[in-house]
Amino acid sequence: MLERLRTVDWYGDWDKANSHRRSRALLMREYLRRAALWARAYGAETEWPFFDVTEYAAPGFEPDPGLAAELEEYVSKLGAPSTRRVCRGAVRWAALREGAAEPSAPADPYAPLLLMFERGGGYSIEEFIDLYGVMIPHGNLESNLDAEPFLSLAPSTLDALDSGSEGRISYYAKIGEGYLRSSPKGILRRRLVGRESETCDEAFTRNLRWEPTEYLRPYKLYASGHSDIGLVQITEVEAAAFIESVMGKPAGIRPPG
């Protein structure tokens, strides 16, 4: 875990952060949700969101002295106090999991945050959380406890979400007989790009990438999220789950175009 953190370019790669802004936003939101679950489980609500979970889940735990010394040397060079806290927490959590049974509680709190770091560096905190390409609201503990879980953490899924993702995006699932919203026949997205809101419609195809489609053009899409045909509007989290499900299928099995 410490070696992973050492590979992060915290402040220098704006282009990388911007190209991964959608996945980084989803990963930060998932971290906030998981941190809220841990804070509630162990009475650390006042410490949320950027804190060392191990202090509460395993009081008194200390990693190997050599690791502890390396960790303190590393985090002392990081600028923001909240970044130092979560990096210390991530390494201590990894050491705890390696040396003993994982506490019975919510999912790994730091997994989404580490992926976010690796996809473009850190963040800064002002009125919003600035991810250097997109800003997201903090929300509060309760709103994050109620947030939709984002569990699609495979790098290939995150890359697919980021690919060609300029503009304001709406996602749609093809549903019908035998195809439910939770397991659709396929998914599409509509991007509105630029000041003129140029419409770009794309389908996630059997080639495992977004490709232009005319499928949406002849039909009216309603504000309710439904359409004249077998389409329903879905969230970005649901789109990610579909992408991850087909990415993980054996070679030769592809989603319908």
C-alpha atoms as a PDB file:
ATOM      1  CA  MET A   1       0.000   0.000   0.000  1.00  0.00           C
ATOM      2  CA  LEU A   2       2.807   2.408   0.830  1.00  0.00           C
ATOM      3  CA  GLU A   3       4.494   1.594  -2.480  1.00  0.00           C
ATOM      4  CA  ARG A   4       1.226   2.339  -4.315  1.00  0.00           C
ATOM      5  CA  LEU A   5       1.044   5.729  -2.628  1.00  0.00           C
ATOM      6  CA  ARG A   6       4.629   6.479  -3.597  1.00  0.00           C
ATOM      7  CA  THR A   7       3.710   6.136  -7.275  1.00  0.00           C
ATOM      8  CA  VAL A   8       0.995   8.813  -7.075  1.00  0.00           C
ATOM      9  CA  ASP A   9       1.718  12.109  -8.817  1.00  0.00           C
ATOM     10  CA  TRP A  10      -0.125  14.286  -6.324  1.00  0.00           C
ATOM     11  CA  TYR A  11      -0.160  17.633  -8.063  1.00  0.00           C
ATOM     12  CA  GLY A  12       1.589  17.482 -11.428  1.00  0.00           C
ATOM     13  CA  ASP A  13      -0.640  15.780 -13.996  1.00  0.00           C
ATOM     14  CA  TRP A  14      -3.653  17.986 -14.729  1.00  0.00           C
ATOM     15  CA  ASP A  15      -4.365  16.284 -18.069  1.00  0.00           C
ATOM     16  CA  LYS A  16      -4.547  12.851 -16.446  1.00  0.00           C
ATOM     17  CA  ALA A  17      -6.851  14.077 -13.690  1.00  0.00           C
ATOM     18  CA  ASN A  18      -9.105  15.824 -16.201  1.00  0.00           C
ATOM     19  CA  SER A  19      -9.298  12.794 -18.506  1.00  0.00           C
ATOM     20  CA  HIS A  20     -10.427  10.673 -15.524  1.00  0.00           C
ATOM     21  CA  ARG A  21     -12.705  13.254 -13.958  1.00  0.00           C
ATOM     22  CA  ARG A  22     -15.865  11.119 -14.140  1.00  0.00           C
ATOM     23  CA  SER A  23     -14.365   8.034 -12.568  1.00  0.00           C
ATOM     24  CA  ARG A  24     -12.532  10.128  -9.975  1.00  0.00           C
ATOM     25  CA  ALA A  25     -15.804  11.781  -8.954  1.00  0.00           C
ATOM     26  CA  LEU A  26     -17.513   8.393  -8.604  1.00  0.00           C
ATOM     27  CA  LEU A  27     -14.595   6.998  -6.621  1.00  0.00           C
ATOM     28  CA  MET A  28     -14.534   9.967  -4.242  1.00  0.00           C
ATOM     29  CA  ARG A  29     -18.299   9.682  -3.699  1.00  0.00           C
ATOM     30  CA  GLU A  30     -17.901   5.978  -2.945  1.00  0.00           C
ATOM     31  CA  TYR A  31     -15.122   6.760  -0.469  1.00  0.00           C
ATOM     32  CA  LEU A  32     -17.366   9.311   1.257  1.00  0.00           C
ATOM     33  CA  ARG A  33     -20.128   6.684   1.472  1.00  0.00           C
ATOM     34  CA  ARG A  34     -17.851   3.983   2.885  1.00  0.00           C
ATOM     35  CA  ALA A  35     -16.239   6.396   5.309  1.00  0.00           C
ATOM     36  CA  ALA A  36     -19.710   7.361   6.538  1.00  0.00           C
ATOM     37  CA  LEU A  37     -20.561   3.689   7.125  1.00  0.00           C
ATOM     38  CA  TRP A  38     -17.376   3.181   9.129  1.00  0.00           C
ATOM     39  CA  ALA A  39     -17.881   6.385  11.079  1.00  0.00           C
ATOM     40  CA  ARG A  40     -21.406   5.330  12.025  1.00  0.00           C
ATOM     41  CA  ALA A  41     -20.328   1.766  12.893  1.00  0.00           C
ATOM     42  CA  TYR A  42     -17.572   2.896  15.267  1.00  0.00           C
ATOM     43  CA  GLY A  43     -18.894   6.166  16.660  1.00  0.00           C
ATOM     44  CA  ALA A  44     -16.499   8.359  14.689  1.00  0.00           C
ATOM     45  CA  GLU A  45     -19.097  10.660  13.147  1.00  0.00           C
ATOM     46  CA  THR A  46     -17.248  13.808  14.161  1.00  0.00           C
ATOM     47  CA  GLU A  47     -14.087  12.595  12.365  1.00  0.00           C
ATOM     48  CA  TRP A  48     -15.800  11.932   9.016  1.00  0.00           C
ATOM     49  CA  PRO A  49     -14.898  12.045   6.186  1.00  0.00           C
ATOM     50  CA  PHE A  50     -11.092  11.953   6.064  1.00  0.00           C
ATOM     51  CA  PHE A  51      -9.865   9.903   8.996  1.00  0.00           C
ATOM     52  CA  ASP A  52      -7.901   6.817  10.089  1.00  0.00           C
ATOM     53  CA  VAL A  53     -10.481   4.042  10.405  1.00  0.00           C
ATOM     54  CA  THR A  54      -8.019   1.727  12.191  1.00  0.00           C
ATOM     55  CA  GLU A  55      -7.925   4.011  15.230  1.00  0.00           C
ATOM     56  CA  TYR A  56     -11.587   3.165  15.814  1.00  0.00           C
ATOM     57  CA  ALA A  57     -11.911  -0.354  14.358  1.00  0.00           C
ATOM     58  CA  ALA A  58      -8.825  -1.708  16.153  1.00  0.00           C
ATOM     59  CA  PRO A  59      -7.831   0.614  19.024  1.00  0.00           C
ATOM     60  CA  GLY A  60      -4.246   0.094  20.114  1.00  0.00           C
ATOM     61  CA  PHE A  61      -3.117  -1.489  16.855  1.00  0.00           C
ATOM     62  CA  GLU A  62       0.360  -0.478  15.714  1.00  0.00           C
ATOM     63  CA  PRO A  63       2.073  -1.655  12.511  1.00  0.00           C
ATOM     64  CA  ASP A  64       5.639  -2.917  12.353  1.00  0.00           C
ATOM     65  CA  PRO A  65       7.945  -0.168  13.676  1.00  0.00           C
ATOM     66  CA  GLY A  66       9.936  -0.089  10.451  1.00  0.00           C
ATOM     67  CA  LEU A  67       6.823   0.389   8.373  1.00  0.00           C
ATOM     68  CA  ALA A  68       5.516   2.988  10.801  1.00  0.00           C
ATOM     69  CA  ALA A  69       8.724   4.994  10.467  1.00  0.00           C
ATOM     70  CA  GLU A  70       8.657   4.846   6.648  1.00  0.00           C
ATOM     71  CA  LEU A  71       5.010   5.838   6.662  1.00  0.00           C
ATOM     72  CA  GLU A  72       5.561   8.882   8.851  1.00  0.00           C
ATOM     73  CA  GLU A  73       8.483   9.986   6.717  1.00  0.00           C
ATOM     74  CA  TYR A  74       6.326   9.738   3.610  1.00  0.00           C
ATOM     75  CA  VAL A  75       3.176  11.448   4.865  1.00  0.00           C
ATOM     76  CA  SER A  76       5.192  14.278   6.407  1.00  0.00           C
ATOM     77  CA  LYS A  77       5.946  15.411   2.843  1.00  0.00           C
ATOM     78  CA  LEU A  78       2.276  15.609   1.832  1.00  0.00           C
ATOM     79  CA  GLY A  79       0.714  19.037   1.962  1.00  0.00           C
ATOM     80  CA  ALA A  80      -2.916  18.792   3.049  1.00  0.00           C
ATOM     81  CA  PRO A  81      -3.661  17.491   6.566  1.00  0.00           C
ATOM     82  CA  SER A  82      -6.636  15.448   5.332  1.00  0.00           C
ATOM     83  CA  THR A  83      -4.443  13.764   2.701  1.00  0.00           C
ATOM     84  CA  ARG A  84      -1.896  12.881   5.360  1.00  0.00           C
ATOM     85  CA  ARG A  85      -4.648  11.375   7.525  1.00  0.00           C
ATOM     86  CA  VAL A  86      -6.156   9.172   4.836  1.00  0.00           C
ATOM     87  CA  CYS A  87      -2.794   8.018   3.483  1.00  0.00           C
ATOM     88  CA  ARG A  88      -1.712   7.078   6.995  1.00  0.00           C
ATOM     89  CA  GLY A  89      -5.062   5.392   7.468  1.00  0.00           C
ATOM     90  CA  ALA A  90      -4.810   3.418   4.210  1.00  0.00           C
ATOM     91  CA  VAL A  91      -1.409   1.982   5.092  1.00  0.00           C
ATOM     92  CA  ARG A  92      -2.376   1.182   8.665  1.00  0.00           C
ATOM     93  CA  TRP A  93      -5.583  -0.459   7.442  1.00  0.00           C
ATOM     94  CA  ALA A  94      -3.599  -2.611   4.991  1.00  0.00           C
ATOM     95  CA  ALA A  95      -1.215  -3.616   7.785  1.00  0.00           C
ATOM     96  CA  LEU A  96      -4.140  -4.519  10.024  1.00  0.00           C
ATOM     97  CA  ARG A  97      -5.738  -6.679   7.333  1.00  0.00           C
ATOM     98  CA  GLU A  98      -2.432  -8.410   6.636  1.00  0.00           C
ATOM     99  CA  GLY A  99      -1.697  -9.225  10.243  1.00  0.00           C
ATOM    100  CA  ALA A 100      -5.121 -10.198  11.574  1.00  0.00           C
ATOM    101  CA  ALA A 101      -8.662 -10.966  10.597  1.00  0.00           C
ATOM    102  CA  GLU A 102     -10.433  -7.980   9.096  1.00  0.00           C
ATOM    103  CA  PRO A 103     -12.940  -6.420  11.493  1.00  0.00           C
ATOM    104  CA  SER A 104     -16.538  -7.335  10.759  1.00  0.00           C
ATOM    105  CA  ALA A 105     -17.875  -4.087   9.338  1.00  0.00           C
ATOM    106  CA  PRO A 106     -18.416  -2.269   6.001  1.00  0.00           C
ATOM    107  CA  ALA A 107     -16.312  -2.705   2.857  1.00  0.00           C
ATOM    108  CA  ASP A 108     -12.667  -1.652   2.563  1.00  0.00           C
ATOM    109  CA  PRO A 109     -12.844   2.094   3.219  1.00  0.00           C
ATOM    110  CA  TYR A 110      -9.779   3.107   1.231  1.00  0.00           C
ATOM    111  CA  ALA A 111     -10.009   1.026  -1.966  1.00  0.00           C
ATOM    112  CA  PRO A 112     -11.929   3.663  -3.991  1.00  0.00           C
ATOM    113  CA  LEU A 113      -9.782   6.505  -2.663  1.00  0.00           C
ATOM    114  CA  LEU A 114      -6.528   4.785  -3.663  1.00  0.00           C
ATOM    115  CA  LEU A 115      -7.869   4.203  -7.154  1.00  0.00           C
ATOM    116  CA  MET A 116      -8.855   7.860  -7.340  1.00  0.00           C
ATOM    117  CA  PHE A 117      -5.339   8.919  -6.344  1.00  0.00           C
ATOM    118  CA  GLU A 118      -3.836   6.677  -9.024  1.00  0.00           C
ATOM    119  CA  ARG A 119      -6.121   8.160 -11.685  1.00  0.00           C
ATOM    120  CA  GLY A 120      -4.889  11.732 -11.355  1.00  0.00           C
ATOM    121  CA  GLY A 121      -3.565  12.650  -7.929  1.00  0.00           C
ATOM    122  CA  GLY A 122      -5.127  14.206  -4.872  1.00  0.00           C
ATOM    123  CA  TYR A 123      -7.772  16.771  -4.055  1.00  0.00           C
ATOM    124  CA  SER A 124      -8.268  20.007  -2.200  1.00  0.00           C
ATOM    125  CA  ILE A 125     -11.053  21.003   0.131  1.00  0.00           C
ATOM    126  CA  GLU A 126     -12.867  24.306  -0.012  1.00  0.00           C
ATOM    127  CA  GLU A 127     -16.608  24.855  -0.311  1.00  0.00           C
ATOM    128  CA  PHE A 128     -16.540  21.765  -2.545  1.00  0.00           C
ATOM    129  CA  ILE A 129     -14.082  18.886  -2.912  1.00  0.00           C
ATOM    130  CA  ASP A 130     -11.898  19.876  -5.868  1.00  0.00           C
ATOM    131  CA  LEU A 131     -10.636  16.854  -7.825  1.00  0.00           C
ATOM    132  CA  TYR A 132      -8.668  18.973 -10.341  1.00  0.00           C
ATOM    133  CA  GLY A 133     -11.082  18.540 -13.225  1.00  0.00           C
ATOM    134  CA  VAL A 134     -14.392  18.373 -11.403  1.00  0.00           C
ATOM    135  CA  MET A 135     -15.752  19.549  -8.066  1.00  0.00           C
ATOM    136  CA  ILE A 136     -18.248  17.607  -5.976  1.00  0.00           C
ATOM    137  CA  PRO A 137     -20.199  18.608  -2.856  1.00  0.00           C
ATOM    138  CA  HIS A 138     -19.247  17.208   0.547  1.00  0.00           C
ATOM    139  CA  GLY A 139     -22.809  16.413   1.493  1.00  0.00           C
ATOM    140  CA  ASN A 140     -23.169  15.284   5.084  1.00  0.00           C
ATOM    141  CA  LEU A 141     -22.869  12.000   6.879  1.00  0.00           C
ATOM    142  CA  GLU A 142     -26.550  11.136   6.478  1.00  0.00           C
ATOM    143  CA  SER A 143     -26.703  11.929   2.768  1.00  0.00           C
ATOM    144  CA  ASN A 144     -23.610   9.827   2.128  1.00  0.00           C
ATOM    145  CA  LEU A 145     -24.989   6.920   4.137  1.00  0.00           C
ATOM    146  CA  ASP A 146     -27.964   6.950   1.765  1.00  0.00           C
ATOM    147  CA  ALA A 147     -25.880   7.296  -1.427  1.00  0.00           C
ATOM    148  CA  GLU A 148     -26.089   4.694  -4.179  1.00  0.00           C
ATOM    149  CA  PRO A 149     -23.144   2.270  -3.757  1.00  0.00           C
ATOM    150  CA  PHE A 150     -20.540   2.324  -6.511  1.00  0.00           C
ATOM    151  CA  LEU A 151     -18.934  -1.119  -6.539  1.00  0.00           C
ATOM    152  CA  SER A 152     -17.576  -1.258 -10.108  1.00  0.00           C
ATOM    153  CA  LEU A 153     -13.915  -0.609  -9.350  1.00  0.00           C
ATOM    154  CA  ALA A 154     -12.196  -2.526 -12.162  1.00  0.00           C
ATOM    155  CA  PRO A 155      -9.803  -0.201 -14.036  1.00  0.00           C
ATOM    156  CA  SER A 156     -11.264  -1.329 -17.385  1.00  0.00           C
ATOM    157  CA  THR A 157     -14.733  -0.249 -16.237  1.00  0.00           C
ATOM    158  CA  LEU A 158     -13.457   3.089 -15.008  1.00  0.00           C
ATOM    159  CA  ASP A 159     -11.630   3.645 -18.299  1.00  0.00           C
ATOM    160  CA  ALA A 160     -14.829   2.904 -20.246  1.00  0.00           C
ATOM    161  CA  LEU A 161     -16.755   5.469 -18.213  1.00  0.00           C
ATOM    162  CA  ASP A 162     -14.066   8.079 -18.859  1.00  0.00           C
ATOM    163  CA  SER A 163     -13.663   7.315 -22.558  1.00  0.00           C
ATOM    164  CA  GLY A 164     -14.890  10.203 -24.723  1.00  0.00           C
ATOM    165  CA  SER A 165     -16.985  11.521 -21.849  1.00  0.00           C
ATOM    166  CA  GLU A 166     -17.073  15.220 -22.706  1.00  0.00           C
ATOM    167  CA  GLY A 167     -20.362  16.992 -22.109  1.00  0.00           C
ATOM    168  CA  ARG A 168     -23.478  16.346 -20.056  1.00  0.00           C
ATOM    169  CA  ILE A 169     -24.328  12.658 -20.159  1.00  0.00           C
ATOM    170  CA  SER A 170     -27.546  10.683 -19.750  1.00  0.00           C
ATOM    171  CA  TYR A 171     -27.496   6.882 -19.770  1.00  0.00           C
ATOM    172  CA  TYR A 172     -30.213   4.539 -21.030  1.00  0.00           C
ATOM    173  CA  ALA A 173     -30.780   0.794 -20.745  1.00  0.00           C
ATOM    174  CA  LYS A 174     -32.464  -1.382 -23.355  1.00  0.00           C
ATOM    175  CA  ILE A 175     -35.146  -3.383 -21.588  1.00  0.00           C
ATOM    176  CA  GLY A 176     -37.924  -5.720 -22.693  1.00  0.00           C
ATOM    177  CA  GLU A 177     -38.935  -9.358 -22.477  1.00  0.00           C
ATOM    178  CA  GLY A 178     -36.174 -11.157 -20.623  1.00  0.00           C
ATOM    179  CA  TYR A 179     -34.173  -7.961 -20.118  1.00  0.00           C
ATOM    180  CA  LEU A 180     -34.696  -6.065 -16.879  1.00  0.00           C
ATOM    181  CA  ARG A 181     -33.232  -2.762 -15.794  1.00  0.00           C
ATOM    182  CA  SER A 182     -30.777  -4.693 -13.613  1.00  0.00           C
ATOM    183  CA  SER A 183     -29.673  -6.865 -16.572  1.00  0.00           C
ATOM    184  CA  PRO A 184     -30.497  -4.962 -19.771  1.00  0.00           C
ATOM    185  CA  LYS A 185     -29.889  -6.005 -23.343  1.00  0.00           C
ATOM    186  CA  GLY A 186     -27.480  -3.117 -23.720  1.00  0.00           C
ATOM    187  CA  ILE A 187     -26.829   0.477 -22.698  1.00  0.00           C
ATOM    188  CA  LEU A 188     -26.563   3.782 -24.529  1.00  0.00           C
ATOM    189  CA  ARG A 189     -25.561   7.294 -23.616  1.00  0.00           C
ATOM    190  CA  ARG A 190     -26.517  10.719 -24.916  1.00  0.00           C
ATOM    191  CA  ARG A 191     -23.913  13.461 -24.573  1.00  0.00           C
ATOM    192  CA  LEU A 192     -24.775  17.141 -24.934  1.00  0.00           C
ATOM    193  CA  VAL A 193     -21.524  18.843 -25.864  1.00  0.00           C
ATOM    194  CA  GLY A 194     -20.551  22.514 -25.878  1.00  0.00           C
ATOM    195  CA  ARG A 195     -22.542  25.700 -25.580  1.00  0.00           C
ATOM    196  CA  GLU A 196     -24.807  24.632 -28.426  1.00  0.00           C
ATOM    197  CA  SER A 197     -25.499  21.279 -26.723  1.00  0.00           C
ATOM    198  CA  GLU A 198     -24.553  19.240 -29.764  1.00  0.00           C
ATOM    199  CA  THR A 199     -26.128  15.789 -29.366  1.00  0.00           C
ATOM    200  CA  CYS A 200     -23.842  12.747 -29.536  1.00  0.00           C
ATOM    201  CA  ASP A 201     -25.539   9.355 -29.115  1.00  0.00           C
ATOM    202  CA  GLU A 202     -23.413   6.296 -28.434  1.00  0.00           C
ATOM    203  CA  ALA A 203     -23.917   2.622 -27.588  1.00  0.00           C
ATOM    204  CA  PHE A 204     -21.588   0.403 -25.585  1.00  0.00           C
ATOM    205  CA  THR A 205     -21.041  -2.235 -28.256  1.00  0.00           C
ATOM    206  CA  ARG A 206     -19.804  -5.794 -28.653  1.00  0.00           C
ATOM    207  CA  ASN A 207     -16.365  -4.226 -29.218  1.00  0.00           C
ATOM    208  CA  LEU A 208     -16.423  -3.143 -25.549  1.00  0.00           C
ATOM    209  CA  ARG A 209     -16.303   0.547 -26.323  1.00  0.00           C
ATOM    210  CA  TRP A 210     -18.630   3.471 -26.981  1.00  0.00           C
ATOM    211  CA  GLU A 211     -19.531   3.822 -30.654  1.00  0.00           C
ATOM    212  CA  PRO A 212     -21.907   6.221 -32.457  1.00  0.00           C
ATOM    213  CA  THR A 213     -25.507   5.063 -32.822  1.00  0.00           C
ATOM    214  CA  GLU A 214     -28.691   6.356 -34.424  1.00  0.00           C
ATOM    215  CA  TYR A 215     -30.835   4.226 -32.110  1.00  0.00           C
ATOM    216  CA  LEU A 216     -32.038   7.128 -29.967  1.00  0.00           C
ATOM    217  CA  ARG A 217     -32.719   9.602 -32.770  1.00  0.00           C
ATOM    218  CA  PRO A 218     -36.230   8.594 -33.919  1.00  0.00           C
ATOM    219  CA  TYR A 219     -37.685   8.394 -30.408  1.00  0.00           C
ATOM    220  CA  LYS A 220     -38.794  10.891 -27.824  1.00  0.00           C
ATOM    221  CA  LEU A 221     -37.002  10.689 -24.487  1.00  0.00           C
ATOM    222  CA  TYR A 222     -39.153  11.907 -21.615  1.00  0.00           C
ATOM    223  CA  ALA A 223     -38.103  13.711 -18.456  1.00  0.00           C
ATOM    224  CA  SER A 224     -39.394  10.681 -16.522  1.00  0.00           C
ATOM    225  CA  GLY A 225     -36.498   8.694 -17.935  1.00  0.00           C
ATOM    226  CA  HIS A 226     -38.702   6.490 -20.102  1.00  0.00           C
ATOM    227  CA  SER A 227     -39.087   6.577 -23.879  1.00  0.00           C
ATOM    228  CA  ASP A 228     -41.424   5.570 -26.671  1.00  0.00           C
ATOM    229  CA  ILE A 229     -39.538   2.269 -26.911  1.00  0.00           C
ATOM    230  CA  GLY A 230     -37.963  -0.198 -24.519  1.00  0.00           C
ATOM    231  CA  LEU A 231     -35.565   2.244 -22.894  1.00  0.00           C
ATOM    232  CA  VAL A 232     -35.269   3.496 -19.357  1.00  0.00           C
ATOM    233  CA  GLN A 233     -32.888   6.133 -18.078  1.00  0.00           C
ATOM    234  CA  ILE A 234     -30.352   4.757 -15.613  1.00  0.00           C
ATOM    235  CA  THR A 235     -27.674   6.202 -13.364  1.00  0.00           C
ATOM    236  CA  GLU A 236     -23.972   6.292 -14.118  1.00  0.00           C
ATOM    237  CA  VAL A 237     -23.520   3.722 -11.351  1.00  0.00           C
ATOM    238  CA  GLU A 238     -25.941   1.349 -13.104  1.00  0.00           C
ATOM    239  CA  ALA A 239     -24.148   1.915 -16.405  1.00  0.00           C
ATOM    240  CA  ALA A 240     -20.856   1.027 -14.727  1.00  0.00           C
ATOM    241  CA  ALA A 241     -22.327  -2.185 -13.328  1.00  0.00           C
ATOM    242  CA  PHE A 242     -23.405  -3.251 -16.833  1.00  0.00           C
ATOM    243  CA  ILE A 243     -19.999  -2.433 -18.301  1.00  0.00           C
ATOM    244  CA  GLU A 244     -18.231  -4.382 -15.569  1.00  0.00           C
ATOM    245  CA  SER A 245     -20.518  -7.376 -16.046  1.00  0.00           C
ATOM    246  CA  VAL A 246     -19.741  -7.667 -19.753  1.00  0.00           C
ATOM    247  CA  MET A 247     -16.060  -6.830 -19.366  1.00  0.00           C
ATOM    248  CA  GLY A 248     -15.783  -9.777 -17.007  1.00  0.00           C
ATOM    249  CA  LYS A 249     -17.395 -12.320 -19.334  1.00  0.00           C
ATOM    250  CA  PRO A 250     -15.266 -15.004 -21.005  1.00  0.00           C
ATOM    251  CA  ALA A 251     -13.627 -14.115 -24.305  1.00  0.00           C
ATOM    252  CA  GLY A 252     -16.020 -14.311 -27.210  1.00  0.00           C
ATOM    253  CA  ILE A 253     -19.135 -13.325 -25.254  1.00  0.00           C
ATOM    254  CA  ARG A 254     -20.101  -9.767 -26.063  1.00  0.00           C
ATOM    255  CA  PRO A 255     -23.067  -7.519 -25.303  1.00  0.00           C
ATOM    256  CA  PRO A 256     -25.496  -6.826 -28.133  1.00  0.00           C
ATOM    257  CA  GLY A 257     -24.699  -3.672 -30.093  1.00  0.00           C
END
